PDB file of N, CA and C in Angstrom:
ATOM      1  N   UNK A   1      36.311  19.573   1.188  1.00  0.00           N
ATOM      2  CA  UNK A   1      34.931  19.671   0.648  1.00  0.00           C
ATOM      3  C   UNK A   1      33.838  20.890   1.068  1.00  0.00           C
ATOM      4  N   UNK A   2      33.059  21.235   1.125  1.00  0.00           N
ATOM      5  CA  UNK A   2      32.014  22.253   2.097  1.00  0.00           C
ATOM      6  C   UNK A   2      30.690  20.904   2.329  1.00  0.00           C
ATOM      7  N   UNK A   3      30.011  21.660   3.159  1.00  0.00           N
ATOM      8  CA  UNK A   3      28.703  20.467   3.187  1.00  0.00           C
ATOM      9  C   UNK A   3      27.928  20.624   1.484  1.00  0.00           C
ATOM     10  N   UNK A   4      27.955  22.553   1.928  1.00  0.00           N
ATOM     11  CA  UNK A   4      26.718  22.495   0.649  1.00  0.00           C
ATOM     12  C   UNK A   4      27.577  21.840  -0.818  1.00  0.00           C
ATOM     13  N   UNK A   5      28.135  21.068  -1.022  1.00  0.00           N
ATOM     14  CA  UNK A   5      28.810  20.705  -1.837  1.00  0.00           C
ATOM     15  C   UNK A   5      28.109  19.363  -2.645  1.00  0.00           C
ATOM     16  N   UNK A   6      27.700  18.532  -0.912  1.00  0.00           N
ATOM     17  CA  UNK A   6      26.995  17.747  -0.950  1.00  0.00           C
ATOM     18  C   UNK A   6      25.664  17.803  -1.024  1.00  0.00           C
ATOM     19  N   UNK A   7      24.976  18.904  -1.473  1.00  0.00           N
ATOM     20  CA  UNK A   7      23.674  18.555  -1.331  1.00  0.00           C
ATOM     21  C   UNK A   7      23.135  18.218  -2.458  1.00  0.00           C
ATOM     22  N   UNK A   8      22.017  17.787  -2.928  1.00  0.00           N
ATOM     23  CA  UNK A   8      21.971  17.191  -4.319  1.00  0.00           C
ATOM     24  C   UNK A   8      20.660  18.332  -4.574  1.00  0.00           C
ATOM     25  N   UNK A   9      21.339  19.624  -5.052  1.00  0.00           N
ATOM     26  CA  UNK A   9      20.434  20.525  -5.004  1.00  0.00           C
ATOM     27  C   UNK A   9      19.205  20.167  -6.917  1.00  0.00           C
ATOM     28  N   UNK A  10      20.217  19.568  -7.575  1.00  0.00           N
ATOM     29  CA  UNK A  10      19.530  19.775  -8.923  1.00  0.00           C
ATOM     30  C   UNK A  10      19.038  17.981  -9.039  1.00  0.00           C
ATOM     31  N   UNK A  11      19.600  17.328  -8.294  1.00  0.00           N
ATOM     32  CA  UNK A  11      18.177  16.553  -8.302  1.00  0.00           C
ATOM     33  C   UNK A  11      16.819  16.195  -7.337  1.00  0.00           C
ATOM     34  N   UNK A  12      16.922  17.358  -6.855  1.00  0.00           N
ATOM     35  CA  UNK A  12      15.892  17.661  -5.984  1.00  0.00           C
ATOM     36  C   UNK A  12      15.004  18.348  -6.932  1.00  0.00           C
ATOM     37  N   UNK A  13      15.497  19.267  -7.743  1.00  0.00           N
ATOM     38  CA  UNK A  13      14.968  20.048  -8.646  1.00  0.00           C
ATOM     39  C   UNK A  13      14.320  19.058 -10.053  1.00  0.00           C
ATOM     40  N   UNK A  14      14.581  18.400  -9.814  1.00  0.00           N
ATOM     41  CA  UNK A  14      14.933  17.609 -11.199  1.00  0.00           C
ATOM     42  C   UNK A  14      13.332  16.627 -10.806  1.00  0.00           C
ATOM     43  N   UNK A  15      13.164  15.922  -9.532  1.00  0.00           N
ATOM     44  CA  UNK A  15      12.578  15.395  -8.656  1.00  0.00           C
ATOM     45  C   UNK A  15      10.963  16.444  -8.689  1.00  0.00           C
ATOM     46  N   UNK A  16      11.011  17.444  -8.134  1.00  0.00           N
ATOM     47  CA  UNK A  16       9.951  18.309  -8.150  1.00  0.00           C
ATOM     48  C   UNK A  16       9.117  18.500  -9.238  1.00  0.00           C
ATOM     49  N   UNK A  17       9.973  19.302 -10.349  1.00  0.00           N
ATOM     50  CA  UNK A  17       9.801  19.542 -11.812  1.00  0.00           C
ATOM     51  C   UNK A  17       9.047  17.704 -12.677  1.00  0.00           C
ATOM     52  N   UNK A  18       9.580  16.490 -11.955  1.00  0.00           N
ATOM     53  CA  UNK A  18       9.259  15.521 -12.563  1.00  0.00           C
ATOM     54  C   UNK A  18       7.351  15.513 -11.798  1.00  0.00           C
ATOM     55  N   UNK A  19       7.563  15.635 -11.214  1.00  0.00           N
ATOM     56  CA  UNK A  19       6.359  15.526 -10.255  1.00  0.00           C
ATOM     57  C   UNK A  19       4.838  16.358 -10.874  1.00  0.00           C
ATOM     58  N   UNK A  20       5.663  17.130 -10.770  1.00  0.00           N
ATOM     59  CA  UNK A  20       4.750  18.464 -11.021  1.00  0.00           C
ATOM     60  C   UNK A  20       4.384  18.602 -12.360  1.00  0.00           C
ATOM     61  N   UNK A  21       5.124  17.503 -13.524  1.00  0.00           N
ATOM     62  CA  UNK A  21       4.965  17.504 -14.618  1.00  0.00           C
ATOM     63  C   UNK A  21       4.169  17.076 -15.084  1.00  0.00           C
ATOM     64  N   UNK A  22       3.969  15.564 -14.082  1.00  0.00           N
ATOM     65  CA  UNK A  22       3.139  14.154 -14.123  1.00  0.00           C
ATOM     66  C   UNK A  22       1.896  14.512 -13.926  1.00  0.00           C
ATOM     67  N   UNK A  23       1.484  14.619 -12.278  1.00  0.00           N
ATOM     68  CA  UNK A  23       0.130  15.557 -11.918  1.00  0.00           C
ATOM     69  C   UNK A  23      -0.407  16.503 -13.044  1.00  0.00           C
ATOM     70  N   UNK A  24       0.289  17.539 -13.850  1.00  0.00           N
ATOM     71  CA  UNK A  24      -0.361  18.427 -14.514  1.00  0.00           C
ATOM     72  C   UNK A  24      -1.261  17.222 -16.284  1.00  0.00           C
ATOM     73  N   UNK A  25       0.342  16.601 -16.156  1.00  0.00           N
ATOM     74  CA  UNK A  25      -0.411  15.798 -17.197  1.00  0.00           C
ATOM     75  C   UNK A  25      -1.386  14.978 -17.317  1.00  0.00           C
ATOM     76  N   UNK A  26      -1.268  14.378 -16.107  1.00  0.00           N
ATOM     77  CA  UNK A  26      -2.460  13.248 -15.773  1.00  0.00           C
ATOM     78  C   UNK A  26      -3.406  13.705 -14.880  1.00  0.00           C
ATOM     79  N   UNK A  27      -4.194  14.983 -13.997  1.00  0.00           N
ATOM     80  CA  UNK A  27      -4.851  15.245 -13.432  1.00  0.00           C
ATOM     81  C   UNK A  27      -5.241  16.775 -14.600  1.00  0.00           C
ATOM     82  N   UNK A  28      -4.792  17.192 -14.766  1.00  0.00           N
ATOM     83  CA  UNK A  28      -5.016  18.270 -15.251  1.00  0.00           C
ATOM     84  C   UNK A  28      -5.129  20.148 -14.426  1.00  0.00           C
ATOM     85  N   UNK A  29      -4.256  19.533 -13.216  1.00  0.00           N
ATOM     86  CA  UNK A  29      -3.563  20.358 -12.338  1.00  0.00           C
ATOM     87  C   UNK A  29      -2.120  20.180 -11.624  1.00  0.00           C
ATOM     88  N   UNK A  30      -1.541  21.076 -11.339  1.00  0.00           N
ATOM     89  CA  UNK A  30       0.116  20.712 -10.362  1.00  0.00           C
ATOM     90  C   UNK A  30      -0.841  20.575  -8.979  1.00  0.00           C
ATOM     91  N   UNK A  31       0.004  19.597  -8.004  1.00  0.00           N
ATOM     92  CA  UNK A  31       0.180  19.941  -6.524  1.00  0.00           C
ATOM     93  C   UNK A  31       1.649  19.998  -6.514  1.00  0.00           C
ATOM     94  N   UNK A  32       2.291  21.748  -6.737  1.00  0.00           N
ATOM     95  CA  UNK A  32       3.553  21.794  -5.738  1.00  0.00           C
ATOM     96  C   UNK A  32       3.570  21.405  -4.433  1.00  0.00           C
ATOM     97  N   UNK A  33       2.888  21.260  -3.636  1.00  0.00           N
ATOM     98  CA  UNK A  33       3.608  20.839  -2.200  1.00  0.00           C
ATOM     99  C   UNK A  33       3.416  19.171  -1.884  1.00  0.00           C
ATOM    100  N   UNK A  34       2.686  18.691  -2.423  1.00  0.00           N
ATOM    101  CA  UNK A  34       3.238  17.017  -2.502  1.00  0.00           C
ATOM    102  C   UNK A  34       4.182  17.081  -3.578  1.00  0.00           C
ATOM    103  N   UNK A  35       4.710  17.629  -4.478  1.00  0.00           N
ATOM    104  CA  UNK A  35       5.549  17.769  -4.862  1.00  0.00           C
ATOM    105  C   UNK A  35       7.123  18.287  -4.363  1.00  0.00           C
ATOM    106  N   UNK A  36       7.327  19.453  -3.601  1.00  0.00           N
ATOM    107  CA  UNK A  36       8.318  19.765  -2.605  1.00  0.00           C
ATOM    108  C   UNK A  36       8.118  18.843  -1.429  1.00  0.00           C
ATOM    109  N   UNK A  37       7.282  17.825  -1.144  1.00  0.00           N
ATOM    110  CA  UNK A  37       7.836  17.713  -0.178  1.00  0.00           C
ATOM    111  C   UNK A  37       8.478  16.450  -0.603  1.00  0.00           C
ATOM    112  N   UNK A  38       7.659  15.273  -1.815  1.00  0.00           N
ATOM    113  CA  UNK A  38       8.870  14.463  -2.398  1.00  0.00           C
ATOM    114  C   UNK A  38      10.094  14.675  -2.893  1.00  0.00           C
ATOM    115  N   UNK A  39       9.850  15.817  -3.163  1.00  0.00           N
ATOM    116  CA  UNK A  39      11.338  16.971  -3.923  1.00  0.00           C
ATOM    117  C   UNK A  39      12.658  16.476  -2.480  1.00  0.00           C
ATOM    118  N   UNK A  40      12.279  17.399  -1.342  1.00  0.00           N
ATOM    119  CA  UNK A  40      12.525  16.938  -0.276  1.00  0.00           C
ATOM    120  C   UNK A  40      13.313  16.042   0.286  1.00  0.00           C
ATOM    121  N   UNK A  41      12.242  15.148   0.355  1.00  0.00           N
ATOM    122  CA  UNK A  41      12.692  13.346   0.875  1.00  0.00           C
ATOM    123  C   UNK A  41      13.532  12.726   0.053  1.00  0.00           C
ATOM    124  N   UNK A  42      13.680  13.364  -1.350  1.00  0.00           N
ATOM    125  CA  UNK A  42      14.129  12.492  -2.386  1.00  0.00           C
ATOM    126  C   UNK A  42      15.676  12.922  -2.543  1.00  0.00           C
ATOM    127  N   UNK A  43      15.917  14.184  -2.296  1.00  0.00           N
ATOM    128  CA  UNK A  43      17.379  15.216  -1.858  1.00  0.00           C
ATOM    129  C   UNK A  43      17.715  14.742  -0.156  1.00  0.00           C
ATOM    130  N   UNK A  44      16.960  14.499   0.796  1.00  0.00           N
ATOM    131  CA  UNK A  44      17.155  13.711   1.865  1.00  0.00           C
ATOM    132  C   UNK A  44      18.299  12.479   1.834  1.00  0.00           C
ATOM    133  N   UNK A  45      17.486  11.758   1.631  1.00  0.00           N
ATOM    134  CA  UNK A  45      17.617  10.100   0.543  1.00  0.00           C
ATOM    135  C   UNK A  45      19.119  10.202   0.041  1.00  0.00           C
ATOM    136  N   UNK A  46      18.840  10.922  -1.267  1.00  0.00           N
ATOM    137  CA  UNK A  46      20.544  11.322  -1.974  1.00  0.00           C
ATOM    138  C   UNK A  46      21.156  11.392  -1.072  1.00  0.00           C
ATOM    139  N   UNK A  47      21.130  12.780  -0.297  1.00  0.00           N
ATOM    140  CA  UNK A  47      22.966  13.019   0.313  1.00  0.00           C
ATOM    141  C   UNK A  47      23.120  12.202   1.793  1.00  0.00           C
ATOM    142  N   UNK A  48      22.008  11.591   2.348  1.00  0.00           N
ATOM    143  CA  UNK A  48      22.622  10.052   3.009  1.00  0.00           C
ATOM    144  C   UNK A  48      23.459   9.431   2.532  1.00  0.00           C
ATOM    145  N   UNK A  49      22.596   8.928   1.570  1.00  0.00           N
ATOM    146  CA  UNK A  49      23.155   7.759   0.170  1.00  0.00           C
ATOM    147  C   UNK A  49      24.728   8.358  -0.147  1.00  0.00           C
ATOM    148  N   UNK A  50      25.237   8.997  -0.388  1.00  0.00           N
ATOM    149  CA  UNK A  50      26.253   9.823  -0.620  1.00  0.00           C
ATOM    150  C   UNK A  50      27.183  10.015   0.264  1.00  0.00           C
ATOM    151  N   UNK A  51      26.606  10.137   1.616  1.00  0.00           N
ATOM    152  CA  UNK A  51      27.139  10.532   3.071  1.00  0.00           C
ATOM    153  C   UNK A  51      27.452   8.866   3.475  1.00  0.00           C
ATOM    154  N   UNK A  52      26.805   7.976   3.440  1.00  0.00           N
ATOM    155  CA  UNK A  52      26.958   6.295   3.492  1.00  0.00           C
ATOM    156  C   UNK A  52      28.103   5.897   2.814  1.00  0.00           C
ATOM    157  N   UNK A  53      27.507   6.497   1.419  1.00  0.00           N
ATOM    158  CA  UNK A  53      28.672   5.565   0.682  1.00  0.00           C
ATOM    159  C   UNK A  53      30.267   6.406   0.449  1.00  0.00           C
ATOM    160  N   UNK A  54      30.503   7.727   1.045  1.00  0.00           N
ATOM    161  CA  UNK A  54      31.364   7.850   1.095  1.00  0.00           C
ATOM    162  C   UNK A  54      32.230   8.011   2.332  1.00  0.00           C
ATOM    163  N   UNK A  55      31.968   7.622   3.461  1.00  0.00           N
ATOM    164  CA  UNK A  55      32.204   7.266   4.416  1.00  0.00           C
ATOM    165  C   UNK A  55      33.239   5.525   4.130  1.00  0.00           C
ATOM    166  N   UNK A  56      32.165   5.008   3.317  1.00  0.00           N
ATOM    167  CA  UNK A  56      32.238   3.304   3.253  1.00  0.00           C
ATOM    168  C   UNK A  56      33.910   3.816   2.804  1.00  0.00           C
ATOM    169  N   UNK A  57      33.794   4.306   1.871  1.00  0.00           N
ATOM    170  CA  UNK A  57      34.878   4.274   0.750  1.00  0.00           C
ATOM    171  C   UNK A  57      35.908   4.884   1.182  1.00  0.00           C
ATOM    172  N   UNK A  58      36.244   5.456   2.580  1.00  0.00           N
ATOM    173  CA  UNK A  58      37.566   5.749   3.359  1.00  0.00           C
ATOM    174  C   UNK A  58      37.730   4.422   4.430  1.00  0.00           C
ATOM    175  N   UNK A  59      37.327   4.267   4.633  1.00  0.00           N
ATOM    176  CA  UNK A  59      37.174   3.696   5.623  1.00  0.00           C
ATOM    177  C   UNK A  59      37.929   2.456   5.316  1.00  0.00           C
TER     178      UNK A  59
END
């Protein structure tokens, strides 16, 4: 599998939309920079977890 197949694109977009939507509903305005940072962080955590689990299952 290619590296791009393991990137959590849909999960990151979901986190971005969720945080932006929550901010908009709770505060009346969205903060896309904060949501983008959280989405990238969540995507990184998911990618690392997938890599660790894949490595653990092979060995």
